[in-house]
């Protein structure tokens, strides 16, 4: 029985890193040497590798990085705004009109036809009612939401990979059982032909045995095709070349977690689930928006300054043909009286949406708890089904041996023998299906509870 809480986070991180590097190097080495060769991979290796290399997960990580840059931008927005400006003008001659437009005189612009300016100004926000802090809080929550989306996408890909891996395991075991059935059918047909030559059975028995053999051969071909398709799907999930054939090292009979080890997951589902945590971040984002809207009702205070070089000197009259430099510092306060009635409905709507999102969070938590408890019940049922199917395999195997002995001693019909063979084969299939279904349910429980 394996328990995910056995290792510490540090050891788990080191082990996972080593695992990914080893698996990546192994797949690349296998692909470089023999593209058609198979690569043996365990369930945990396949899941960890897919969580690291899958393209959807990589895309989610890119979005997470972009959200991190947006958060940094919100903090940089609190820095002063600094502008540098410069200009140059060359004026034409000045034309003066008298008595309407009938008389005019033309002369140069005083004190000079040239004008230029070069300066720098800065504005620093001292207080804006908490608008900047609200924006920073919103971007921080958005980054956390992006991180949760990455974890959710990673868990979803892990769930798909586990399901595809277990499907490949089921098909591999199915192929093995069909090959066993094929050998039994070939031996049976050979023995029936011998009995037919000795006139112990009729021709119909030979024909039915041949039909049975043909059906088994078709089933084997179909299973091999299904294995090829499942392998390609697993290649895509793990983002490895589709020419690499992945052979599972784990079997359907691998150890299953104890039911009592899953109780802690169920208890923490209400706070650990990806959906619940994302709903909580959406609530925080909306609260930050409300704070941003409410900040419009508060006054703003800013510090601003400027310094520049100008030409010519327009500060005196008449203007002087000389350059001058001057600067200033000051405070700017502003209050929008109209915000008292413009923002009233906006604030009310924002608070109502916070309430809506809180109710949605509670509803999501309730649904997730129900889903996890349902998976737990189904997991218990699957474990019980495994025990029942194990006994069925033993019983059907004994039954097949008995009917085989009876048939070749002319004490049973071929129909009875074929039915016994099909029953034995079906019981083996059902056992493998029950074993893989139990693991599939377990991984569904891990993902739904936010622990995959």
Protein backbone atom coordinates (compact mmCIF):
# COMPACT_ATOMS: atom_id res chain seq x y z
CA UNK A 1 0.00 0.00 0.00
CA UNK A 2 1.42 3.39 -0.85
CA UNK A 3 0.68 6.64 0.95
CA UNK A 4 1.39 10.04 -0.59
CA UNK A 5 1.92 11.67 2.81
CA UNK A 6 4.82 9.38 3.64
CA UNK A 7 7.52 11.57 2.14
CA UNK A 8 8.29 15.13 3.10
CA UNK A 9 7.80 17.90 0.55
CA UNK A 10 11.53 18.40 0.21
CA UNK A 11 12.30 14.76 -0.43
CA UNK A 12 9.35 14.53 -2.80
CA UNK A 13 10.61 17.50 -4.80
CA UNK A 14 14.12 16.08 -5.07
CA UNK A 15 12.80 12.67 -6.05
CA UNK A 16 10.43 14.12 -8.64
CA UNK A 17 13.21 16.24 -10.18
CA UNK A 18 15.54 13.26 -10.42
CA UNK A 19 12.72 11.16 -11.86
CA UNK A 20 11.91 13.67 -14.61
CA UNK A 21 15.54 14.12 -15.63
CA UNK A 22 16.14 10.36 -15.71
CA UNK A 23 12.97 9.66 -17.67
CA UNK A 24 13.63 12.43 -20.19
CA UNK A 25 17.19 11.22 -20.74
CA UNK A 26 15.99 7.64 -21.08
CA UNK A 27 13.33 8.46 -23.66
CA UNK A 28 15.72 10.63 -25.68
CA UNK A 29 18.38 7.90 -25.58
CA UNK A 30 15.87 5.25 -26.65
CA UNK A 31 14.58 7.40 -29.47
CA UNK A 32 18.07 8.23 -30.70
CA UNK A 33 19.21 4.63 -30.81
CA UNK A 34 16.09 2.81 -32.00
CA UNK A 35 12.97 4.85 -32.82
CA UNK A 36 10.79 1.73 -32.94
CA UNK A 37 12.10 0.27 -29.67
CA UNK A 38 9.88 0.13 -26.62
CA UNK A 39 10.51 2.16 -23.50
CA UNK A 40 9.43 0.73 -20.15
CA UNK A 41 7.72 3.26 -17.91
CA UNK A 42 5.84 2.98 -14.63
CA UNK A 43 2.55 4.67 -13.80
CA UNK A 44 4.10 7.22 -11.44
CA UNK A 45 6.84 8.03 -13.97
CA UNK A 46 4.32 8.55 -16.75
CA UNK A 47 2.20 10.83 -14.57
CA UNK A 48 5.13 12.95 -13.35
CA UNK A 49 6.62 13.25 -16.83
CA UNK A 50 3.28 14.33 -18.35
CA UNK A 51 2.78 16.94 -15.60
CA UNK A 52 6.15 18.42 -16.56
CA UNK A 53 6.25 18.09 -20.35
CA UNK A 54 2.65 18.22 -21.58
CA UNK A 55 2.03 21.16 -23.92
CA UNK A 56 -1.17 22.24 -22.18
CA UNK A 57 0.69 22.39 -18.88
CA UNK A 58 3.51 24.37 -20.49
CA UNK A 59 0.96 26.83 -21.92
CA UNK A 60 -0.56 27.24 -18.44
CA UNK A 61 2.90 27.96 -17.03
CA UNK A 62 3.45 30.64 -19.66
CA UNK A 63 0.17 32.28 -18.64
CA UNK A 64 1.26 32.06 -15.01
CA UNK A 65 4.50 33.87 -15.89
CA UNK A 66 2.51 36.53 -17.76
CA UNK A 67 0.29 37.03 -14.69
CA UNK A 68 3.45 37.43 -12.61
CA UNK A 69 4.62 40.19 -14.96
CA UNK A 70 1.21 41.90 -14.65
CA UNK A 71 1.61 41.83 -10.88
CA UNK A 72 5.08 43.39 -11.10
CA UNK A 73 3.65 46.03 -13.42
CA UNK A 74 1.01 46.93 -10.82
CA UNK A 75 3.75 47.59 -8.26
CA UNK A 76 5.86 49.56 -10.73
CA UNK A 77 2.83 51.75 -11.41
CA UNK A 78 3.33 53.24 -7.92
CA UNK A 79 6.69 54.69 -9.00
CA UNK A 80 6.87 58.36 -10.09
CA UNK A 81 5.90 59.25 -13.65
CA UNK A 82 8.85 61.05 -15.25
CA UNK A 83 8.73 62.75 -18.67
CA UNK A 84 11.41 64.45 -20.70
CA UNK A 85 10.28 66.84 -23.44
CA UNK A 86 11.91 69.10 -25.95
CA UNK A 87 10.77 71.33 -28.80
CA UNK A 88 12.09 73.79 -31.38
CA UNK A 89 10.14 76.29 -33.51
CA UNK A 90 11.17 78.60 -36.33
CA UNK A 91 8.58 81.34 -36.80
CA UNK A 92 7.83 83.14 -40.05
CA UNK A 93 7.76 86.92 -40.37
CA UNK A 94 4.96 88.65 -38.48
CA UNK A 95 2.24 90.32 -40.60
CA UNK A 96 0.13 93.06 -38.93
CA UNK A 97 -3.17 94.28 -40.42
CA UNK A 98 -4.85 97.65 -39.91
CA UNK A 99 -8.24 98.92 -41.09
CA UNK A 100 -9.47 95.40 -41.60
CA UNK A 101 -7.32 93.61 -44.12
CA UNK A 102 -6.68 96.58 -46.42
CA UNK A 103 -3.37 97.65 -44.96
CA UNK A 104 -0.57 95.41 -43.68
CA UNK A 105 3.01 95.61 -42.58
CA UNK A 106 5.52 92.78 -42.26
CA UNK A 107 8.44 92.43 -39.88
CA UNK A 108 10.49 89.87 -37.97
CA UNK A 109 9.09 88.29 -34.81
CA UNK A 110 10.44 89.87 -31.63
CA UNK A 111 12.77 89.22 -29.97
CA UNK A 112 13.79 86.32 -32.30
CA UNK A 113 12.11 84.01 -34.84
CA UNK A 114 13.57 81.00 -33.01
CA UNK A 115 12.09 79.29 -29.98
CA UNK A 116 13.16 76.16 -28.09
CA UNK A 117 12.39 74.33 -24.87
CA UNK A 118 13.95 71.40 -23.05
CA UNK A 119 12.63 70.14 -19.74
CA UNK A 120 11.83 67.32 -17.37
CA UNK A 121 8.76 66.84 -15.17
CA UNK A 122 7.74 64.24 -12.59
CA UNK A 123 4.50 63.26 -10.86
CA UNK A 124 4.33 61.07 -7.75
CA UNK A 125 1.08 59.82 -6.32
CA UNK A 126 0.98 60.28 -2.54
CA UNK A 127 -2.59 59.20 -1.85
CA UNK A 128 -5.41 58.06 -4.11
CA UNK A 129 -7.88 56.51 -1.70
CA UNK A 130 -6.34 53.02 -1.82
CA UNK A 131 -6.77 52.61 -5.58
CA UNK A 132 -3.18 51.53 -6.10
CA UNK A 133 -3.30 48.97 -3.28
CA UNK A 134 -6.58 47.58 -4.61
CA UNK A 135 -5.07 47.19 -8.08
CA UNK A 136 -2.01 45.45 -6.64
CA UNK A 137 -4.22 43.12 -4.60
CA UNK A 138 -6.25 42.26 -7.70
CA UNK A 139 -3.15 41.46 -9.73
CA UNK A 140 -1.73 39.38 -6.86
CA UNK A 141 -4.95 37.36 -6.75
CA UNK A 142 -4.86 36.98 -10.52
CA UNK A 143 -1.35 35.59 -10.28
CA UNK A 144 -2.52 33.13 -7.61
CA UNK A 145 -5.44 32.18 -9.84
CA UNK A 146 -3.08 31.59 -12.76
CA UNK A 147 -0.93 29.39 -10.52
CA UNK A 148 -4.03 27.41 -9.50
CA UNK A 149 -4.99 27.05 -13.16
CA UNK A 150 -1.54 25.60 -13.81
CA UNK A 151 -1.95 23.15 -10.93
CA UNK A 152 -5.45 22.26 -12.13
CA UNK A 153 -4.27 21.74 -15.71
CA UNK A 154 -1.34 19.68 -14.45
CA UNK A 155 -3.67 17.55 -12.33
CA UNK A 156 -6.09 17.12 -15.21
CA UNK A 157 -3.30 15.98 -17.52
CA UNK A 158 -2.06 13.63 -14.78
CA UNK A 159 -5.58 12.18 -14.53
CA UNK A 160 -5.77 11.70 -18.30
CA UNK A 161 -2.30 10.14 -18.35
CA UNK A 162 -3.16 7.75 -15.53
CA UNK A 163 -6.39 6.78 -17.29
CA UNK A 164 -4.60 6.21 -20.59
CA UNK A 165 -1.80 4.29 -18.89
CA UNK A 166 -4.29 2.04 -17.09
CA UNK A 167 -6.14 1.54 -20.36
CA UNK A 168 -2.85 0.44 -21.92
CA UNK A 169 -2.29 -1.92 -18.97
CA UNK A 170 -5.77 -3.36 -19.40
CA UNK A 171 -5.23 -3.87 -23.12
CA UNK A 172 -1.80 -5.45 -22.53
CA UNK A 173 -3.28 -7.95 -20.06
CA UNK A 174 -6.17 -8.50 -22.43
CA UNK A 175 -3.72 -9.29 -25.22
CA UNK A 176 -1.93 -11.77 -22.96
CA UNK A 177 -5.20 -13.50 -22.08
CA UNK A 178 -6.28 -13.63 -25.71
CA UNK A 179 -2.94 -15.17 -26.64
CA UNK A 180 -3.55 -17.81 -23.97
CA UNK A 181 -7.04 -18.37 -25.35
CA UNK A 182 -5.57 -18.63 -28.86
CA UNK A 183 -3.22 -21.39 -27.71
CA UNK A 184 -6.13 -23.21 -26.08
CA UNK A 185 -8.20 -22.86 -29.25
CA UNK A 186 -5.37 -24.18 -31.43
CA UNK A 187 -4.76 -27.17 -29.17
CA UNK A 188 -8.50 -27.79 -28.91
CA UNK A 189 -8.91 -27.73 -32.70
CA UNK A 190 -5.97 -30.13 -33.10
CA UNK A 191 -7.47 -32.57 -30.59
CA UNK A 192 -10.95 -32.30 -32.12
CA UNK A 193 -9.50 -33.04 -35.56
CA UNK A 194 -7.91 -36.16 -34.07
CA UNK A 195 -11.24 -37.20 -32.58
CA UNK A 196 -12.96 -36.51 -35.89
CA UNK A 197 -10.48 -38.73 -37.75
CA UNK A 198 -11.25 -41.45 -35.23
CA UNK A 199 -14.97 -40.78 -35.78
CA UNK A 200 -15.48 -39.80 -32.18
CA UNK A 201 -17.08 -36.40 -33.01
CA UNK A 202 -19.02 -34.95 -35.91
CA UNK A 203 -17.86 -32.45 -38.53
CA UNK A 204 -19.90 -29.71 -36.84
CA UNK A 205 -17.58 -29.82 -33.83
CA UNK A 206 -14.59 -29.24 -36.10
CA UNK A 207 -16.32 -26.33 -37.83
CA UNK A 208 -17.35 -24.71 -34.56
CA UNK A 209 -13.83 -25.06 -33.21
CA UNK A 210 -12.46 -23.42 -36.36
CA UNK A 211 -14.95 -20.55 -36.03
CA UNK A 212 -13.93 -20.11 -32.41
CA UNK A 213 -10.26 -19.97 -33.43
CA UNK A 214 -10.99 -17.36 -36.12
CA UNK A 215 -12.89 -15.19 -33.65
CA UNK A 216 -10.02 -15.32 -31.19
CA UNK A 217 -7.56 -14.32 -33.93
CA UNK A 218 -9.74 -11.34 -34.83
CA UNK A 219 -9.96 -10.33 -31.18
CA UNK A 220 -6.18 -10.46 -30.92
CA UNK A 221 -5.78 -8.23 -33.98
CA UNK A 222 -8.32 -5.76 -32.64
CA UNK A 223 -6.57 -5.62 -29.28
CA UNK A 224 -3.18 -5.01 -30.91
CA UNK A 225 -4.68 -2.10 -32.86
CA UNK A 226 -6.23 -0.70 -29.69
CA UNK A 227 -2.85 -0.93 -27.96
CA UNK A 228 -1.23 1.02 -30.79
CA UNK A 229 -3.89 3.75 -30.56
CA UNK A 230 -3.63 3.93 -26.76
CA UNK A 231 0.17 4.18 -27.02
CA UNK A 232 -0.09 7.13 -29.41
CA UNK A 233 -2.51 8.92 -27.07
CA UNK A 234 -0.11 8.37 -24.19
CA UNK A 235 2.77 9.71 -26.32
CA UNK A 236 0.81 12.91 -26.93
CA UNK A 237 -0.01 13.36 -23.25
CA UNK A 238 3.64 12.86 -22.29
CA UNK A 239 4.83 14.97 -25.26
CA UNK A 240 7.26 12.37 -26.60
CA UNK A 241 7.73 11.35 -30.26
CA UNK A 242 4.85 9.16 -31.43
CA UNK A 243 7.35 6.63 -32.75
CA UNK A 244 8.41 5.81 -29.17
CA UNK A 245 6.52 2.78 -27.92
CA UNK A 246 5.76 2.95 -24.21
CA UNK A 247 5.47 -0.37 -22.41
CA UNK A 248 3.90 -0.26 -18.92
CA UNK A 249 5.93 -1.85 -16.15
CA UNK A 250 3.04 -1.79 -13.68
CA UNK A 251 0.30 -4.39 -13.93
CA UNK A 252 -3.37 -4.27 -13.10
CA UNK A 253 -2.60 -6.22 -9.95
CA UNK A 254 -0.39 -3.47 -8.49
CA UNK A 255 -1.04 -2.56 -4.86
CA UNK A 256 -4.08 -0.37 -4.22
CA UNK A 257 -4.19 2.33 -1.50
CA UNK A 258 -5.99 1.39 1.68
CA UNK A 259 -9.42 3.01 2.03
CA UNK A 260 -8.57 4.46 5.45
CA UNK A 261 -5.63 6.34 3.92
CA UNK A 262 -8.11 8.32 1.76
CA UNK A 263 -10.24 9.65 4.63
CA UNK A 264 -7.92 12.61 5.19
CA UNK A 265 -8.29 13.59 1.53
CA UNK A 266 -12.07 13.62 1.92
CA UNK A 267 -11.91 15.78 5.05
CA UNK A 268 -9.71 18.40 3.36
CA UNK A 269 -11.57 18.47 0.05
CA UNK A 270 -13.49 21.63 0.97
CA UNK A 271 -10.25 23.64 1.11
CA UNK A 272 -7.81 21.68 -1.07
CA UNK A 273 -9.89 21.21 -4.21
CA UNK A 274 -8.72 23.14 -7.27
CA UNK A 275 -12.23 24.38 -8.02
CA UNK A 276 -12.83 25.62 -4.46
CA UNK A 277 -9.47 27.38 -4.30
CA UNK A 278 -10.06 29.05 -7.66
CA UNK A 279 -13.51 30.16 -6.53
CA UNK A 280 -11.91 31.70 -3.42
CA UNK A 281 -9.44 33.65 -5.56
CA UNK A 282 -12.28 34.94 -7.73
CA UNK A 283 -13.93 36.25 -4.56
CA UNK A 284 -10.71 38.07 -3.61
CA UNK A 285 -10.42 39.56 -7.10
CA UNK A 286 -13.96 40.93 -6.90
CA UNK A 287 -13.33 42.36 -3.44
CA UNK A 288 -10.25 44.16 -4.77
CA UNK A 289 -12.37 45.56 -7.60
CA UNK A 290 -14.89 46.88 -5.09
CA UNK A 291 -12.08 48.56 -3.14
CA UNK A 292 -10.87 50.12 -6.38
CA UNK A 293 -14.35 51.50 -7.13
CA UNK A 294 -14.72 52.84 -3.60
CA UNK A 295 -11.36 54.64 -3.89
CA UNK A 296 -12.97 56.99 -6.43
CA UNK A 297 -14.96 58.49 -3.51
CA UNK A 298 -11.74 59.56 -1.80
CA UNK A 299 -9.56 62.63 -2.50
CA UNK A 300 -6.25 62.31 -4.31
CA UNK A 301 -2.97 63.98 -3.43
CA UNK A 302 0.09 64.08 -5.62
CA UNK A 303 3.57 65.62 -5.64
CA UNK A 304 4.75 67.08 -8.89
CA UNK A 305 7.81 68.98 -10.08
CA UNK A 306 9.36 70.27 -13.29
CA UNK A 307 12.58 71.91 -14.45
CA UNK A 308 13.38 73.20 -17.90
CA UNK A 309 15.51 75.34 -20.20
CA UNK A 310 13.56 77.78 -22.43
CA UNK A 311 14.41 80.19 -25.21
CA UNK A 312 13.68 83.10 -25.63
CA UNK A 313 12.72 84.74 -22.32
CA UNK A 314 8.97 85.42 -22.24
CA UNK A 315 8.89 86.05 -18.49
CA UNK A 316 9.70 89.74 -19.02
CA UNK A 317 8.00 92.35 -21.12
CA UNK A 318 9.10 93.05 -23.64
CA UNK A 319 10.56 89.60 -24.33
CA UNK A 320 14.31 89.23 -24.18
CA UNK A 321 16.45 87.33 -26.66
CA UNK A 322 18.03 85.07 -24.06
CA UNK A 323 17.68 81.57 -22.66
CA UNK A 324 16.57 80.92 -19.09
CA UNK A 325 16.16 77.93 -16.80
CA UNK A 326 13.51 77.55 -14.12
CA UNK A 327 11.78 74.83 -12.13
CA UNK A 328 9.15 74.28 -9.45
CA UNK A 329 7.82 71.80 -6.91
CA UNK A 330 4.24 71.53 -5.70
CA UNK A 331 1.36 69.50 -4.36
CA UNK A 332 -1.86 68.78 -6.22
CA UNK A 333 -5.05 67.79 -4.39
CA UNK A 334 -8.29 66.81 -6.06
CA UNK A 335 -11.70 65.58 -4.97
CA UNK A 336 -14.52 64.59 -7.29
CA UNK A 337 -17.84 65.53 -5.72
CA UNK A 338 -19.71 63.77 -8.53
CA UNK A 339 -18.23 60.45 -7.40
CA UNK A 340 -20.67 60.45 -4.48
CA UNK A 341 -23.56 59.70 -6.85
CA UNK A 342 -21.71 58.33 -9.87
CA UNK A 343 -20.15 55.41 -7.93
CA UNK A 344 -23.03 54.60 -5.61
CA UNK A 345 -24.60 51.94 -7.84
CA UNK A 346 -21.20 50.67 -8.98
CA UNK A 347 -20.18 49.96 -5.38
CA UNK A 348 -23.52 48.29 -4.63
CA UNK A 349 -23.27 46.10 -7.75
CA UNK A 350 -19.69 45.13 -6.86
CA UNK A 351 -20.67 44.06 -3.34
CA UNK A 352 -23.57 42.01 -4.70
CA UNK A 353 -21.19 40.22 -7.05
CA UNK A 354 -18.93 39.44 -4.08
CA UNK A 355 -21.92 37.85 -2.38
CA UNK A 356 -22.71 35.92 -5.57
CA UNK A 357 -19.18 34.56 -5.83
CA UNK A 358 -19.18 33.57 -2.15
CA UNK A 359 -22.38 31.58 -2.68
CA UNK A 360 -20.86 29.97 -5.77
CA UNK A 361 -17.78 29.02 -3.72
CA UNK A 362 -19.98 27.34 -1.12
CA UNK A 363 -21.97 25.53 -3.82
CA UNK A 364 -18.77 24.33 -5.52
CA UNK A 365 -17.43 23.08 -2.17
CA UNK A 366 -20.68 21.15 -1.56
CA UNK A 367 -20.59 19.56 -5.02
CA UNK A 368 -16.91 18.65 -4.75
CA UNK A 369 -17.48 17.04 -1.36
CA UNK A 370 -20.31 14.97 -2.79
CA UNK A 371 -18.15 13.92 -5.75
CA UNK A 372 -15.23 12.89 -3.53
CA UNK A 373 -17.46 10.90 -1.20
CA UNK A 374 -19.04 9.23 -4.23
CA UNK A 375 -15.62 8.27 -5.57
CA UNK A 376 -14.72 6.88 -2.14
CA UNK A 377 -17.86 4.71 -2.10
CA UNK A 378 -17.16 3.53 -5.64
CA UNK A 379 -13.55 2.80 -4.70
CA UNK A 380 -14.72 0.58 -1.84
CA UNK A 381 -17.09 -1.12 -4.27
CA UNK A 382 -14.26 -1.62 -6.78
CA UNK A 383 -12.04 -3.25 -4.15
CA UNK A 384 -14.85 -5.61 -3.25
CA UNK A 385 -15.43 -6.33 -6.93
CA UNK A 386 -11.76 -7.31 -7.26
CA UNK A 387 -12.13 -9.88 -4.48
CA UNK A 388 -15.29 -11.31 -6.06
CA UNK A 389 -13.67 -11.51 -9.51
CA UNK A 390 -10.57 -13.19 -8.10
CA UNK A 391 -12.77 -15.99 -6.76
CA UNK A 392 -14.65 -16.09 -10.07
CA UNK A 393 -11.38 -16.61 -11.98
CA UNK A 394 -10.41 -19.50 -9.73
CA UNK A 395 -13.84 -21.09 -10.04
CA UNK A 396 -14.12 -20.62 -13.80
CA UNK A 397 -10.63 -22.04 -14.29
CA UNK A 398 -11.52 -25.19 -12.35
CA UNK A 399 -14.80 -25.38 -14.25
CA UNK A 400 -12.98 -25.15 -17.59
CA UNK A 401 -10.61 -27.98 -16.66
CA UNK A 402 -13.53 -30.18 -15.59
CA UNK A 403 -15.56 -29.53 -18.75
CA UNK A 404 -12.46 -30.07 -20.93
CA UNK A 405 -11.88 -33.47 -19.36
CA UNK A 406 -15.54 -34.37 -19.76
CA UNK A 407 -15.65 -33.33 -23.42
CA UNK A 408 -12.63 -35.33 -24.49
CA UNK A 409 -14.07 -38.28 -22.61
CA UNK A 410 -17.32 -37.88 -24.53
CA UNK A 411 -19.23 -36.81 -21.39
CA UNK A 412 -20.00 -33.22 -22.45
CA UNK A 413 -20.89 -31.28 -25.59
CA UNK A 414 -18.60 -28.90 -27.44
CA UNK A 415 -21.05 -26.12 -26.60
CA UNK A 416 -20.40 -26.72 -22.92
CA UNK A 417 -16.66 -26.60 -23.50
CA UNK A 418 -16.79 -23.36 -25.49
CA UNK A 419 -19.09 -21.79 -22.90
CA UNK A 420 -16.66 -22.78 -20.16
CA UNK A 421 -13.76 -21.31 -22.12
CA UNK A 422 -15.64 -18.05 -22.68
CA UNK A 423 -16.62 -17.92 -19.02
CA UNK A 424 -13.00 -18.37 -17.96
CA UNK A 425 -11.86 -15.73 -20.40
CA UNK A 426 -14.59 -13.30 -19.35
CA UNK A 427 -13.79 -13.73 -15.66
CA UNK A 428 -10.13 -12.86 -16.32
CA UNK A 429 -11.19 -9.79 -18.32
CA UNK A 430 -13.54 -8.71 -15.53
CA UNK A 431 -10.77 -9.03 -12.95
CA UNK A 432 -8.40 -6.83 -14.95
CA UNK A 433 -11.17 -4.31 -15.56
CA UNK A 434 -12.07 -4.21 -11.87
CA UNK A 435 -8.42 -3.68 -10.92
CA UNK A 436 -7.86 -0.85 -13.42
CA UNK A 437 -11.24 0.70 -12.58
CA UNK A 438 -10.25 0.87 -8.92
CA UNK A 439 -7.06 2.75 -9.77
CA UNK A 440 -8.93 5.02 -12.16
CA UNK A 441 -11.41 5.90 -9.41
CA UNK A 442 -8.50 6.50 -7.04
CA UNK A 443 -6.90 8.99 -9.44
CA UNK A 444 -10.28 10.69 -9.96
CA UNK A 445 -10.50 11.06 -6.18
CA UNK A 446 -6.99 12.54 -6.03
CA UNK A 447 -7.73 15.06 -8.78
CA UNK A 448 -11.15 16.08 -7.47
CA UNK A 449 -9.73 16.63 -3.97
CA UNK A 450 -6.87 18.73 -5.39
CA UNK A 451 -4.07 16.31 -4.53
CA UNK A 452 -2.94 15.11 -7.96
